[in-house]
All heavy atoms as atom14 arrays in JSON, in Angstrom:
{
  "sequence": "CCRPVNDEYKGIDSPRQLYDALLHIWCEYTCAPRLRSKWTRENITLGQ",
  "atom14_mask": [
    [1, 1, 1, 1, 1, 1, 0, 0, 0, 0, 0, 0, 0, 0],
    [1, 1, 1, 1, 1, 1, 0, 0, 0, 0, 0, 0, 0, 0],
    [1, 1, 1, 1, 1, 1, 1, 1, 1, 1, 1, 0, 0, 0],
    [1, 1, 1, 1, 1, 1, 1, 0, 0, 0, 0, 0, 0, 0],
    [1, 1, 1, 1, 1, 1, 1, 0, 0, 0, 0, 0, 0, 0],
    [1, 1, 1, 1, 1, 1, 1, 1, 0, 0, 0, 0, 0, 0],
    [1, 1, 1, 1, 1, 1, 1, 1, 0, 0, 0, 0, 0, 0],
    [1, 1, 1, 1, 1, 1, 1, 1, 1, 0, 0, 0, 0, 0],
    [1, 1, 1, 1, 1, 1, 1, 1, 1, 1, 1, 1, 0, 0],
    [1, 1, 1, 1, 1, 1, 1, 1, 1, 0, 0, 0, 0, 0],
    [1, 1, 1, 1, 0, 0, 0, 0, 0, 0, 0, 0, 0, 0],
    [1, 1, 1, 1, 1, 1, 1, 1, 0, 0, 0, 0, 0, 0],
    [1, 1, 1, 1, 1, 1, 1, 1, 0, 0, 0, 0, 0, 0],
    [1, 1, 1, 1, 1, 1, 0, 0, 0, 0, 0, 0, 0, 0],
    [1, 1, 1, 1, 1, 1, 1, 0, 0, 0, 0, 0, 0, 0],
    [1, 1, 1, 1, 1, 1, 1, 1, 1, 1, 1, 0, 0, 0],
    [1, 1, 1, 1, 1, 1, 1, 1, 1, 0, 0, 0, 0, 0],
    [1, 1, 1, 1, 1, 1, 1, 1, 0, 0, 0, 0, 0, 0],
    [1, 1, 1, 1, 1, 1, 1, 1, 1, 1, 1, 1, 0, 0],
    [1, 1, 1, 1, 1, 1, 1, 1, 0, 0, 0, 0, 0, 0],
    [1, 1, 1, 1, 1, 0, 0, 0, 0, 0, 0, 0, 0, 0],
    [1, 1, 1, 1, 1, 1, 1, 1, 0, 0, 0, 0, 0, 0],
    [1, 1, 1, 1, 1, 1, 1, 1, 0, 0, 0, 0, 0, 0],
    [1, 1, 1, 1, 1, 1, 1, 1, 1, 1, 0, 0, 0, 0],
    [1, 1, 1, 1, 1, 1, 1, 1, 0, 0, 0, 0, 0, 0],
    [1, 1, 1, 1, 1, 1, 1, 1, 1, 1, 1, 1, 1, 1],
    [1, 1, 1, 1, 1, 1, 0, 0, 0, 0, 0, 0, 0, 0],
    [1, 1, 1, 1, 1, 1, 1, 1, 1, 0, 0, 0, 0, 0],
    [1, 1, 1, 1, 1, 1, 1, 1, 1, 1, 1, 1, 0, 0],
    [1, 1, 1, 1, 1, 1, 1, 0, 0, 0, 0, 0, 0, 0],
    [1, 1, 1, 1, 1, 1, 0, 0, 0, 0, 0, 0, 0, 0],
    [1, 1, 1, 1, 1, 0, 0, 0, 0, 0, 0, 0, 0, 0],
    [1, 1, 1, 1, 1, 1, 1, 0, 0, 0, 0, 0, 0, 0],
    [1, 1, 1, 1, 1, 1, 1, 1, 1, 1, 1, 0, 0, 0],
    [1, 1, 1, 1, 1, 1, 1, 1, 0, 0, 0, 0, 0, 0],
    [1, 1, 1, 1, 1, 1, 1, 1, 1, 1, 1, 0, 0, 0],
    [1, 1, 1, 1, 1, 1, 0, 0, 0, 0, 0, 0, 0, 0],
    [1, 1, 1, 1, 1, 1, 1, 1, 1, 0, 0, 0, 0, 0],
    [1, 1, 1, 1, 1, 1, 1, 1, 1, 1, 1, 1, 1, 1],
    [1, 1, 1, 1, 1, 1, 1, 0, 0, 0, 0, 0, 0, 0],
    [1, 1, 1, 1, 1, 1, 1, 1, 1, 1, 1, 0, 0, 0],
    [1, 1, 1, 1, 1, 1, 1, 1, 1, 0, 0, 0, 0, 0],
    [1, 1, 1, 1, 1, 1, 1, 1, 0, 0, 0, 0, 0, 0],
    [1, 1, 1, 1, 1, 1, 1, 1, 0, 0, 0, 0, 0, 0],
    [1, 1, 1, 1, 1, 1, 1, 0, 0, 0, 0, 0, 0, 0],
    [1, 1, 1, 1, 1, 1, 1, 1, 0, 0, 0, 0, 0, 0],
    [1, 1, 1, 1, 0, 0, 0, 0, 0, 0, 0, 0, 0, 0],
    [1, 1, 1, 1, 1, 1, 1, 1, 1, 0, 0, 0, 0, 0]
  ],
  "atom14_positions": [
    [[10.96, 8.3, 19.56], [10.29, 9.39, 20.28], [10.59, 10.75, 19.65], [10.81, 11.73, 20.33], [10.67, 9.37, 21.76], [12.43, 9.29, 22.06], [0.0, 0.0, 0.0], [0.0, 0.0, 0.0], [0.0, 0.0, 0.0], [0.0, 0.0, 0.0], [0.0, 0.0, 0.0], [0.0, 0.0, 0.0], [0.0, 0.0, 0.0], [0.0, 0.0, 0.0]],
    [[10.6, 10.8, 18.33], [10.82, 12.07, 17.64], [9.49, 12.81, 17.47], [8.42, 12.23, 17.62], [11.49, 11.83, 16.29], [10.78, 10.48, 15.37], [0.0, 0.0, 0.0], [0.0, 0.0, 0.0], [0.0, 0.0, 0.0], [0.0, 0.0, 0.0], [0.0, 0.0, 0.0], [0.0, 0.0, 0.0], [0.0, 0.0, 0.0], [0.0, 0.0, 0.0]],
    [[9.58, 14.09, 17.18], [8.41, 14.95, 17.05], [8.06, 15.16, 15.57], [8.93, 15.12, 14.71], [8.68, 16.31, 17.69], [9.13, 16.27, 19.15], [8.08, 15.81, 20.12], [6.94, 16.72, 20.1], [5.76, 16.43, 20.6], [5.54, 15.27, 21.14], [4.79, 17.3, 20.56], [0.0, 0.0, 0.0], [0.0, 0.0, 0.0], [0.0, 0.0, 0.0]],
    [[6.79, 15.42, 15.29], [6.39, 15.68, 13.89], [7.06, 16.95, 13.35], [7.35, 17.88, 14.1], [4.89, 15.89, 13.97], [4.47, 15.55, 15.34], [5.67, 15.48, 16.2], [0.0, 0.0, 0.0], [0.0, 0.0, 0.0], [0.0, 0.0, 0.0], [0.0, 0.0, 0.0], [0.0, 0.0, 0.0], [0.0, 0.0, 0.0], [0.0, 0.0, 0.0]],
    [[7.27, 16.97, 12.05], [7.84, 18.14, 11.39], [6.75, 19.04, 10.83], [7.04, 20.1, 10.27], [8.84, 17.75, 10.27], [10.05, 17.04, 10.86], [8.17, 16.9, 9.2], [0.0, 0.0, 0.0], [0.0, 0.0, 0.0], [0.0, 0.0, 0.0], [0.0, 0.0, 0.0], [0.0, 0.0, 0.0], [0.0, 0.0, 0.0], [0.0, 0.0, 0.0]],
    [[5.5, 18.62, 10.96], [4.35, 19.41, 10.52], [3.14, 19.02, 11.36], [3.24, 18.13, 12.2], [4.09, 19.21, 9.02], [3.78, 17.77, 8.69], [2.86, 17.16, 9.24], [4.56, 17.19, 7.78], [0.0, 0.0, 0.0], [0.0, 0.0, 0.0], [0.0, 0.0, 0.0], [0.0, 0.0, 0.0], [0.0, 0.0, 0.0], [0.0, 0.0, 0.0]],
    [[2.03, 19.7, 11.15], [0.83, 19.38, 11.94], [-0.29, 18.83, 11.05], [-1.46, 19.01, 11.33], [0.36, 20.6, 12.73], [-0.02, 21.76, 11.84], [0.15, 21.66, 10.6], [-0.49, 22.78, 12.37], [0.0, 0.0, 0.0], [0.0, 0.0, 0.0], [0.0, 0.0, 0.0], [0.0, 0.0, 0.0], [0.0, 0.0, 0.0], [0.0, 0.0, 0.0]],
    [[0.09, 18.12, 10.01], [-0.88, 17.58, 9.07], [-1.78, 16.52, 9.71], [-2.95, 16.4, 9.36], [-0.15, 16.99, 7.87], [-1.07, 16.61, 6.75], [-0.32, 16.27, 5.48], [0.9, 16.46, 5.4], [-1.0, 15.81, 4.55], [0.0, 0.0, 0.0], [0.0, 0.0, 0.0], [0.0, 0.0, 0.0], [0.0, 0.0, 0.0], [0.0, 0.0, 0.0]],
    [[-1.24, 15.78, 10.65], [-2.01, 14.72, 11.31], [-2.12, 15.06, 12.8], [-1.28, 14.7, 13.6], [-1.33, 13.36, 11.1], [-1.26, 12.96, 9.66], [-0.13, 13.23, 8.88], [-2.33, 12.32, 9.04], [-0.07, 12.87, 7.54], [-2.28, 11.96, 7.7], [-1.15, 12.23, 6.96], [-1.09, 11.88, 5.63], [0.0, 0.0, 0.0], [0.0, 0.0, 0.0]],
    [[-3.16, 15.77, 13.14], [-3.38, 16.21, 14.52], [-3.49, 14.99, 15.44], [-4.12, 13.99, 15.1], [-4.69, 17.01, 14.63], [-4.77, 18.18, 13.68], [-4.1, 19.39, 14.24], [-4.41, 20.59, 13.37], [-3.29, 21.43, 13.17], [0.0, 0.0, 0.0], [0.0, 0.0, 0.0], [0.0, 0.0, 0.0], [0.0, 0.0, 0.0], [0.0, 0.0, 0.0]],
    [[-2.86, 15.1, 16.6], [-2.94, 14.02, 17.58], [-1.91, 12.92, 17.39], [-1.81, 12.02, 18.2], [0.0, 0.0, 0.0], [0.0, 0.0, 0.0], [0.0, 0.0, 0.0], [0.0, 0.0, 0.0], [0.0, 0.0, 0.0], [0.0, 0.0, 0.0], [0.0, 0.0, 0.0], [0.0, 0.0, 0.0], [0.0, 0.0, 0.0], [0.0, 0.0, 0.0]],
    [[-1.13, 12.99, 16.31], [-0.05, 12.03, 16.09], [1.25, 12.76, 16.41], [1.78, 13.5, 15.59], [-0.04, 11.49, 14.64], [-1.39, 10.9, 14.24], [1.1, 10.49, 14.45], [-1.82, 9.68, 15.01], [0.0, 0.0, 0.0], [0.0, 0.0, 0.0], [0.0, 0.0, 0.0], [0.0, 0.0, 0.0], [0.0, 0.0, 0.0], [0.0, 0.0, 0.0]],
    [[1.73, 12.59, 17.64], [2.88, 13.35, 18.12], [4.14, 12.52, 18.29], [5.18, 13.04, 18.69], [2.54, 14.03, 19.44], [1.44, 15.07, 19.26], [1.44, 15.76, 18.24], [0.58, 15.17, 20.16], [0.0, 0.0, 0.0], [0.0, 0.0, 0.0], [0.0, 0.0, 0.0], [0.0, 0.0, 0.0], [0.0, 0.0, 0.0], [0.0, 0.0, 0.0]],
    [[4.07, 11.22, 18.0], [5.24, 10.35, 18.11], [5.02, 9.13, 17.23], [3.87, 8.8, 16.88], [5.45, 9.9, 19.56], [4.45, 8.95, 19.92], [0.0, 0.0, 0.0], [0.0, 0.0, 0.0], [0.0, 0.0, 0.0], [0.0, 0.0, 0.0], [0.0, 0.0, 0.0], [0.0, 0.0, 0.0], [0.0, 0.0, 0.0], [0.0, 0.0, 0.0]],
    [[6.09, 8.45, 16.85], [5.94, 7.22, 16.09], [5.09, 6.17, 16.81], [4.36, 5.42, 16.17], [7.37, 6.73, 15.88], [8.16, 8.01, 15.86], [7.5, 8.86, 16.92], [0.0, 0.0, 0.0], [0.0, 0.0, 0.0], [0.0, 0.0, 0.0], [0.0, 0.0, 0.0], [0.0, 0.0, 0.0], [0.0, 0.0, 0.0], [0.0, 0.0, 0.0]],
    [[5.16, 6.14, 18.13], [4.33, 5.18, 18.87], [2.85, 5.51, 18.71], [2.02, 4.62, 18.55], [4.73, 5.17, 20.34], [6.08, 4.52, 20.57], [6.44, 4.49, 22.03], [7.86, 4.74, 22.14], [8.44, 5.28, 23.18], [7.76, 5.63, 24.23], [9.74, 5.45, 23.2], [0.0, 0.0, 0.0], [0.0, 0.0, 0.0], [0.0, 0.0, 0.0]],
    [[2.51, 6.79, 18.76], [1.11, 7.18, 18.53], [0.68, 6.86, 17.11], [-0.46, 6.46, 16.88], [0.9, 8.66, 18.83], [0.91, 8.98, 20.3], [0.72, 10.47, 20.54], [1.13, 11.31, 19.74], [0.08, 10.78, 21.65], [0.0, 0.0, 0.0], [0.0, 0.0, 0.0], [0.0, 0.0, 0.0], [0.0, 0.0, 0.0], [0.0, 0.0, 0.0]],
    [[1.59, 7.02, 16.16], [1.28, 6.65, 14.78], [1.03, 5.16, 14.69], [0.06, 4.72, 14.06], [2.41, 7.06, 13.84], [2.25, 6.63, 12.38], [0.96, 7.18, 11.78], [3.47, 7.04, 11.57], [0.0, 0.0, 0.0], [0.0, 0.0, 0.0], [0.0, 0.0, 0.0], [0.0, 0.0, 0.0], [0.0, 0.0, 0.0], [0.0, 0.0, 0.0]],
    [[1.86, 4.36, 15.31], [1.68, 2.91, 15.32], [0.3, 2.56, 15.9], [-0.43, 1.75, 15.32], [2.79, 2.25, 16.13], [2.68, 0.76, 16.24], [3.23, -0.07, 15.26], [2.03, 0.16, 17.31], [3.13, -1.44, 15.35], [1.93, -1.21, 17.41], [2.48, -2.01, 16.43], [2.37, -3.38, 16.52], [0.0, 0.0, 0.0], [0.0, 0.0, 0.0]],
    [[-0.05, 3.18, 17.01], [-1.36, 2.93, 17.63], [-2.49, 3.23, 16.64], [-3.46, 2.46, 16.53], [-1.55, 3.79, 18.88], [-0.61, 3.42, 20.01], [-0.03, 2.32, 19.99], [-0.45, 4.26, 20.92], [0.0, 0.0, 0.0], [0.0, 0.0, 0.0], [0.0, 0.0, 0.0], [0.0, 0.0, 0.0], [0.0, 0.0, 0.0], [0.0, 0.0, 0.0]],
    [[-2.38, 4.33, 15.93], [-3.41, 4.71, 14.96], [-3.45, 3.72, 13.8], [-4.53, 3.32, 13.35], [-3.16, 6.13, 14.44], [0.0, 0.0, 0.0], [0.0, 0.0, 0.0], [0.0, 0.0, 0.0], [0.0, 0.0, 0.0], [0.0, 0.0, 0.0], [0.0, 0.0, 0.0], [0.0, 0.0, 0.0], [0.0, 0.0, 0.0], [0.0, 0.0, 0.0]],
    [[-2.28, 3.32, 13.32], [-2.23, 2.42, 12.17], [-2.81, 1.05, 12.49], [-3.31, 0.37, 11.58], [-0.8, 2.3, 11.65], [-0.26, 3.56, 10.99], [1.22, 3.41, 10.66], [-1.06, 3.93, 9.75], [0.0, 0.0, 0.0], [0.0, 0.0, 0.0], [0.0, 0.0, 0.0], [0.0, 0.0, 0.0], [0.0, 0.0, 0.0], [0.0, 0.0, 0.0]],
    [[-2.79, 0.66, 13.74], [-3.43, -0.61, 14.12], [-4.92, -0.6, 13.77], [-5.53, -1.65, 13.56], [-3.25, -0.89, 15.61], [-1.84, -1.26, 16.05], [-1.78, -1.4, 17.56], [-1.36, -2.53, 15.36], [0.0, 0.0, 0.0], [0.0, 0.0, 0.0], [0.0, 0.0, 0.0], [0.0, 0.0, 0.0], [0.0, 0.0, 0.0], [0.0, 0.0, 0.0]],
    [[-5.52, 0.59, 13.66], [-6.93, 0.73, 13.28], [-7.11, 0.87, 11.77], [-8.24, 0.82, 11.29], [-7.54, 1.96, 13.97], [-7.52, 1.86, 15.46], [-8.47, 1.18, 16.17], [-6.63, 2.34, 16.36], [-8.19, 1.25, 17.46], [-7.07, 1.96, 17.6], [0.0, 0.0, 0.0], [0.0, 0.0, 0.0], [0.0, 0.0, 0.0], [0.0, 0.0, 0.0]],
    [[-6.0, 1.09, 11.05], [-6.09, 1.41, 9.62], [-5.52, 0.33, 8.72], [-6.09, 0.04, 7.66], [-5.39, 2.77, 9.35], [-6.08, 3.87, 10.16], [-5.4, 3.1, 7.86], [-5.3, 5.17, 10.19], [0.0, 0.0, 0.0], [0.0, 0.0, 0.0], [0.0, 0.0, 0.0], [0.0, 0.0, 0.0], [0.0, 0.0, 0.0], [0.0, 0.0, 0.0]],
    [[-4.37, -0.25, 9.1], [-3.8, -1.3, 8.27], [-4.85, -2.36, 7.99], [-5.6, -2.75, 8.9], [-2.61, -1.96, 8.95], [-1.33, -1.19, 8.94], [-0.8, -0.46, 7.92], [-0.39, -1.12, 10.01], [0.41, 0.07, 8.29], [0.69, -0.32, 9.57], [-0.35, -1.65, 11.3], [1.79, -0.06, 10.36], [0.75, -1.38, 12.09], [1.81, -0.59, 11.64]],
    [[-4.89, -2.81, 6.78], [-5.9, -3.8, 6.4], [-5.4, -4.6, 5.21], [-4.3, -4.35, 4.7], [-7.23, -3.13, 6.07], [-7.14, -1.98, 4.68], [0.0, 0.0, 0.0], [0.0, 0.0, 0.0], [0.0, 0.0, 0.0], [0.0, 0.0, 0.0], [0.0, 0.0, 0.0], [0.0, 0.0, 0.0], [0.0, 0.0, 0.0], [0.0, 0.0, 0.0]],
    [[-6.2, -5.53, 4.75], [-5.83, -6.34, 3.6], [-5.57, -5.46, 2.38], [-4.64, -5.7, 1.62], [-6.93, -7.35, 3.31], [-6.58, -8.34, 2.24], [-7.64, -9.39, 2.05], [-8.58, -9.48, 2.85], [-7.53, -10.14, 1.06], [0.0, 0.0, 0.0], [0.0, 0.0, 0.0], [0.0, 0.0, 0.0], [0.0, 0.0, 0.0], [0.0, 0.0, 0.0]],
    [[-6.36, -4.4, 2.22], [-6.17, -3.5, 1.07], [-4.83, -2.79, 1.11], [-4.19, -2.59, 0.07], [-7.3, -2.47, 0.98], [-7.06, -1.47, -0.13], [-7.23, -1.83, -1.47], [-6.6, -0.19, 0.14], [-6.96, -0.94, -2.5], [-6.34, 0.72, -0.88], [-6.52, 0.33, -2.19], [-6.23, 1.22, -3.21], [0.0, 0.0, 0.0], [0.0, 0.0, 0.0]],
    [[-4.35, -2.38, 2.29], [-3.09, -1.66, 2.37], [-1.89, -2.61, 2.28], [-0.77, -2.16, 2.1], [-2.99, -0.8, 3.65], [-3.17, -1.63, 4.8], [-4.03, 0.31, 3.64], [0.0, 0.0, 0.0], [0.0, 0.0, 0.0], [0.0, 0.0, 0.0], [0.0, 0.0, 0.0], [0.0, 0.0, 0.0], [0.0, 0.0, 0.0], [0.0, 0.0, 0.0]],
    [[-2.11, -3.9, 2.39], [-1.06, -4.91, 2.26], [-0.64, -5.02, 0.8], [-1.46, -4.92, -0.11], [-1.6, -6.25, 2.76], [-0.43, -7.62, 2.6], [0.0, 0.0, 0.0], [0.0, 0.0, 0.0], [0.0, 0.0, 0.0], [0.0, 0.0, 0.0], [0.0, 0.0, 0.0], [0.0, 0.0, 0.0], [0.0, 0.0, 0.0], [0.0, 0.0, 0.0]],
    [[0.65, -5.26, 0.57], [1.16, -5.48, -0.78], [0.41, -6.64, -1.43], [0.21, -7.68, -0.79], [2.66, -5.78, -0.74], [0.0, 0.0, 0.0], [0.0, 0.0, 0.0], [0.0, 0.0, 0.0], [0.0, 0.0, 0.0], [0.0, 0.0, 0.0], [0.0, 0.0, 0.0], [0.0, 0.0, 0.0], [0.0, 0.0, 0.0], [0.0, 0.0, 0.0]],
    [[-0.04, -6.47, -2.67], [-0.85, -7.51, -3.33], [-0.22, -8.9, -3.31], [-0.93, -9.88, -3.12], [-1.0, -6.98, -4.76], [-0.89, -5.51, -4.62], [0.11, -5.29, -3.52], [0.0, 0.0, 0.0], [0.0, 0.0, 0.0], [0.0, 0.0, 0.0], [0.0, 0.0, 0.0], [0.0, 0.0, 0.0], [0.0, 0.0, 0.0], [0.0, 0.0, 0.0]],
    [[1.09, -8.99, -3.45], [1.73, -10.3, -3.48], [1.68, -11.03, -2.14], [1.91, -12.24, -2.07], [3.18, -10.19, -3.97], [4.08, -9.41, -3.05], [5.49, -9.21, -3.64], [6.25, -8.26, -2.88], [6.86, -8.52, -1.75], [6.84, -9.72, -1.24], [7.54, -7.57, -1.11], [0.0, 0.0, 0.0], [0.0, 0.0, 0.0], [0.0, 0.0, 0.0]],
    [[1.34, -10.3, -1.07], [1.28, -10.89, 0.27], [-0.15, -10.99, 0.84], [-0.34, -11.5, 1.93], [2.16, -10.08, 1.23], [3.65, -10.05, 0.88], [4.38, -9.05, 1.75], [4.24, -11.44, 1.02], [0.0, 0.0, 0.0], [0.0, 0.0, 0.0], [0.0, 0.0, 0.0], [0.0, 0.0, 0.0], [0.0, 0.0, 0.0], [0.0, 0.0, 0.0]],
    [[-1.12, -10.48, 0.12], [-2.49, -10.41, 0.64], [-3.06, -11.75, 1.07], [-3.8, -11.82, 2.05], [-3.43, -9.77, -0.38], [-3.32, -8.28, -0.37], [-4.37, -7.61, -1.19], [-4.03, -6.19, -1.23], [-4.28, -5.4, -2.23], [-4.92, -5.86, -3.3], [-3.93, -4.13, -2.19], [0.0, 0.0, 0.0], [0.0, 0.0, 0.0], [0.0, 0.0, 0.0]],
    [[-2.72, -12.8, 0.37], [-3.28, -14.11, 0.73], [-2.77, -14.58, 2.09], [-3.38, -15.44, 2.73], [-2.96, -15.16, -0.34], [-1.56, -15.38, -0.42], [0.0, 0.0, 0.0], [0.0, 0.0, 0.0], [0.0, 0.0, 0.0], [0.0, 0.0, 0.0], [0.0, 0.0, 0.0], [0.0, 0.0, 0.0], [0.0, 0.0, 0.0], [0.0, 0.0, 0.0]],
    [[-1.66, -14.0, 2.57], [-1.08, -14.37, 3.87], [-1.41, -13.36, 4.97], [-1.12, -13.6, 6.14], [0.44, -14.49, 3.75], [0.87, -15.58, 2.8], [2.38, -15.58, 2.66], [2.8, -16.61, 1.62], [4.21, -16.55, 1.32], [0.0, 0.0, 0.0], [0.0, 0.0, 0.0], [0.0, 0.0, 0.0], [0.0, 0.0, 0.0], [0.0, 0.0, 0.0]],
    [[-2.02, -12.23, 4.59], [-2.29, -11.18, 5.56], [-3.42, -11.61, 6.51], [-4.41, -12.19, 6.08], [-2.69, -9.88, 4.86], [-2.86, -8.74, 5.81], [-1.9, -7.88, 6.23], [-4.05, -8.35, 6.5], [-2.41, -6.98, 7.13], [-3.74, -7.25, 7.32], [-5.36, -8.84, 6.51], [-4.67, -6.62, 8.13], [-6.29, -8.21, 7.32], [-5.94, -7.11, 8.11]],
    [[-3.23, -11.31, 7.8], [-4.27, -11.54, 8.8], [-4.23, -10.41, 9.82], [-3.23, -9.68, 9.91], [-4.06, -12.87, 9.56], [-2.83, -12.78, 10.32], [-4.02, -14.06, 8.62], [0.0, 0.0, 0.0], [0.0, 0.0, 0.0], [0.0, 0.0, 0.0], [0.0, 0.0, 0.0], [0.0, 0.0, 0.0], [0.0, 0.0, 0.0], [0.0, 0.0, 0.0]],
    [[-5.26, -10.26, 10.61], [-5.26, -9.27, 11.7], [-4.16, -9.61, 12.71], [-3.64, -8.73, 13.38], [-6.62, -9.21, 12.41], [-7.79, -8.76, 11.57], [-7.83, -7.34, 11.13], [-7.73, -6.32, 12.13], [-7.47, -5.05, 11.85], [-7.31, -4.66, 10.6], [-7.38, -4.16, 12.79], [0.0, 0.0, 0.0], [0.0, 0.0, 0.0], [0.0, 0.0, 0.0]],
    [[-3.82, -10.89, 12.83], [-2.77, -11.3, 13.77], [-1.38, -10.92, 13.25], [-0.44, -10.8, 14.03], [-2.84, -12.81, 14.02], [-4.06, -13.25, 14.83], [-5.36, -13.2, 14.02], [-5.33, -13.47, 12.79], [-6.4, -12.85, 14.61], [0.0, 0.0, 0.0], [0.0, 0.0, 0.0], [0.0, 0.0, 0.0], [0.0, 0.0, 0.0], [0.0, 0.0, 0.0]],
    [[-1.23, -10.79, 11.94], [0.03, -10.34, 11.35], [-0.27, -9.07, 10.55], [-0.06, -9.0, 9.35], [0.65, -11.43, 10.46], [2.09, -11.11, 10.09], [2.65, -10.1, 10.5], [2.7, -11.98, 9.32], [0.0, 0.0, 0.0], [0.0, 0.0, 0.0], [0.0, 0.0, 0.0], [0.0, 0.0, 0.0], [0.0, 0.0, 0.0], [0.0, 0.0, 0.0]],
    [[-0.74, -8.08, 11.25], [-1.3, -6.85, 10.67], [-0.26, -6.02, 9.91], [-0.6, -5.28, 9.0], [-1.99, -6.03, 11.77], [-2.93, -5.01, 11.16], [-0.99, -5.41, 12.73], [-3.9, -4.39, 12.15], [0.0, 0.0, 0.0], [0.0, 0.0, 0.0], [0.0, 0.0, 0.0], [0.0, 0.0, 0.0], [0.0, 0.0, 0.0], [0.0, 0.0, 0.0]],
    [[1.03, -6.15, 10.26], [2.05, -5.34, 9.6], [2.58, -5.98, 8.32], [3.36, -5.35, 7.6], [3.23, -5.05, 10.55], [3.88, -6.27, 10.88], [2.78, -4.32, 11.8], [0.0, 0.0, 0.0], [0.0, 0.0, 0.0], [0.0, 0.0, 0.0], [0.0, 0.0, 0.0], [0.0, 0.0, 0.0], [0.0, 0.0, 0.0], [0.0, 0.0, 0.0]],
    [[2.13, -7.19, 8.0], [2.61, -7.87, 6.79], [2.29, -7.04, 5.55], [1.16, -6.6, 5.34], [1.94, -9.24, 6.67], [2.34, -10.05, 5.43], [3.8, -10.48, 5.53], [1.44, -11.25, 5.25], [0.0, 0.0, 0.0], [0.0, 0.0, 0.0], [0.0, 0.0, 0.0], [0.0, 0.0, 0.0], [0.0, 0.0, 0.0], [0.0, 0.0, 0.0]],
    [[3.32, -6.81, 4.73], [3.14, -6.12, 3.46], [2.83, -4.64, 3.55], [2.37, -4.04, 2.59], [0.0, 0.0, 0.0], [0.0, 0.0, 0.0], [0.0, 0.0, 0.0], [0.0, 0.0, 0.0], [0.0, 0.0, 0.0], [0.0, 0.0, 0.0], [0.0, 0.0, 0.0], [0.0, 0.0, 0.0], [0.0, 0.0, 0.0], [0.0, 0.0, 0.0]],
    [[3.1, -4.03, 4.69], [2.78, -2.61, 4.91], [4.01, -1.71, 4.92], [3.88, -0.51, 5.14], [2.05, -2.44, 6.25], [0.92, -3.4, 6.52], [-0.34, -3.11, 5.74], [-0.52, -2.03, 5.17], [-1.25, -4.06, 5.7], [0.0, 0.0, 0.0], [0.0, 0.0, 0.0], [0.0, 0.0, 0.0], [0.0, 0.0, 0.0], [0.0, 0.0, 0.0]]
  ]
}
């Protein structure tokens, strides 16, 4: 529950809010290449 040190990302005011946003952004492309074959929406944080 820490606060941002800058205002570069408006509306992201806590790590939990960042996590919520990243659920919409993490994808196969953002996954490490060596893990992409195992990446799924169900394991969205894999390789991130």
